[in-house]
Structure formats: structure tokens, C-alpha cells
Amino acid sequence: MNPAKLEGRAQVVADQATCRTVETAIMGYVMNNGVEPTSVRQLGDYVSGDISRYRIVGGRAAGPGCKA
């Protein structure tokens, strides 16, 4: 068992899940406001947790775990 390898894999999965959460929050924001958010700060009411490592690029989430 390699704890460092397991921890690294867990982080990858967590980053992907957080990216998906930000994507979902963007969709919720658009549905409620009729416009795309320009900053993750606008998503505070849609996400519980720290999403400060993410940004919005072209209407999509960008950051750890997000596909480029």
C-alpha cells in the first residue's frame, strides 16, 4: 500500500468533483439570472465550500480537475 499514491489519486477525484460542482453552479446561476456569471464569487449562493482555485473561462469552470 502506497499512502502517497492513494492520497494523490483521492485529490484528483476530489478536484474533478469540485470542478463538476462549479459547472453545476454556473448552470444554476444562468437559469436564475439569465446571464452567465463572470466570477466564481458570484456562485457563493450555489456552492458550499471553497472554490477559490477555480475561475470561469468562456462560461465554463476552469481549474484543478477541469478538462482544458
Protein backbone atom coordinates (compact mmCIF):
# COMPACT_ATOMS: atom_id res chain seq x y z
CA MET A 1 0.00 0.00 0.00
CA ASN A 2 1.37 3.38 -1.02
CA PRO A 3 -0.29 6.18 1.02
CA ALA A 4 1.19 8.97 -1.12
CA LYS A 5 -0.14 7.40 -4.32
CA LEU A 6 -3.57 6.85 -2.76
CA GLU A 7 -3.65 10.43 -1.49
CA GLY A 8 -2.70 11.75 -4.94
CA ARG A 9 -5.49 9.74 -6.59
CA ALA A 10 -8.00 10.91 -3.98
CA GLN A 11 -7.04 14.52 -4.71
CA VAL A 12 -7.56 14.01 -8.45
CA VAL A 13 -11.04 12.61 -7.83
CA ALA A 14 -11.88 15.43 -5.39
CA ASP A 15 -10.71 18.06 -7.90
CA GLN A 16 -12.87 16.52 -10.63
CA ALA A 17 -15.89 16.50 -8.32
CA THR A 18 -15.31 20.13 -7.34
CA CYS A 19 -14.99 21.15 -10.99
CA ARG A 20 -18.30 19.45 -11.70
CA THR A 21 -19.85 21.27 -8.74
CA VAL A 22 -18.68 24.60 -10.15
CA GLU A 23 -20.09 23.65 -13.57
CA THR A 24 -23.45 22.85 -11.94
CA ALA A 25 -23.39 26.14 -10.03
CA ILE A 26 -22.76 28.02 -13.28
CA MET A 27 -25.82 26.35 -14.81
CA GLY A 28 -27.93 27.24 -11.76
CA TYR A 29 -26.74 30.82 -11.91
CA VAL A 30 -27.63 31.10 -15.59
CA MET A 31 -31.07 29.59 -15.01
CA ASN A 32 -31.81 32.01 -12.18
CA ASN A 33 -30.28 35.16 -13.65
CA GLY A 34 -30.48 34.75 -17.41
CA VAL A 35 -26.79 35.66 -17.85
CA GLU A 36 -23.51 33.82 -17.33
CA PRO A 37 -21.50 34.59 -14.20
CA THR A 38 -18.13 36.22 -14.82
CA SER A 39 -16.54 35.26 -11.49
CA VAL A 40 -16.74 32.32 -9.10
CA ARG A 41 -17.51 34.90 -6.41
CA GLN A 42 -20.96 35.17 -7.95
CA LEU A 43 -21.55 31.48 -7.24
CA GLY A 44 -21.44 31.73 -3.44
CA ASP A 45 -25.16 31.03 -3.08
CA TYR A 46 -24.85 27.93 -5.28
CA VAL A 47 -21.81 26.20 -3.75
CA SER A 48 -20.91 25.21 -0.23
CA GLY A 49 -17.16 25.15 0.16
CA ASP A 50 -14.03 26.79 -1.14
CA ILE A 51 -13.96 27.20 -4.92
CA SER A 52 -11.34 29.96 -4.93
CA ARG A 53 -8.94 27.84 -7.02
CA TYR A 54 -11.43 27.94 -9.89
CA ARG A 55 -12.32 30.59 -12.43
CA ILE A 56 -14.81 30.95 -15.23
CA VAL A 57 -13.49 30.92 -18.78
CA GLY A 58 -15.90 31.11 -21.69
CA GLY A 59 -18.82 30.24 -19.43
CA ARG A 60 -17.16 27.05 -18.17
CA ALA A 61 -15.30 26.13 -14.99
CA ALA A 62 -11.52 26.19 -15.20
CA GLY A 63 -9.15 24.94 -12.53
CA PRO A 64 -7.99 21.74 -10.84
CA GLY A 65 -9.73 18.69 -12.24
CA CYS A 66 -11.37 20.53 -15.14
CA LYS A 67 -10.72 19.41 -18.68
CA ALA A 68 -8.87 22.03 -20.66
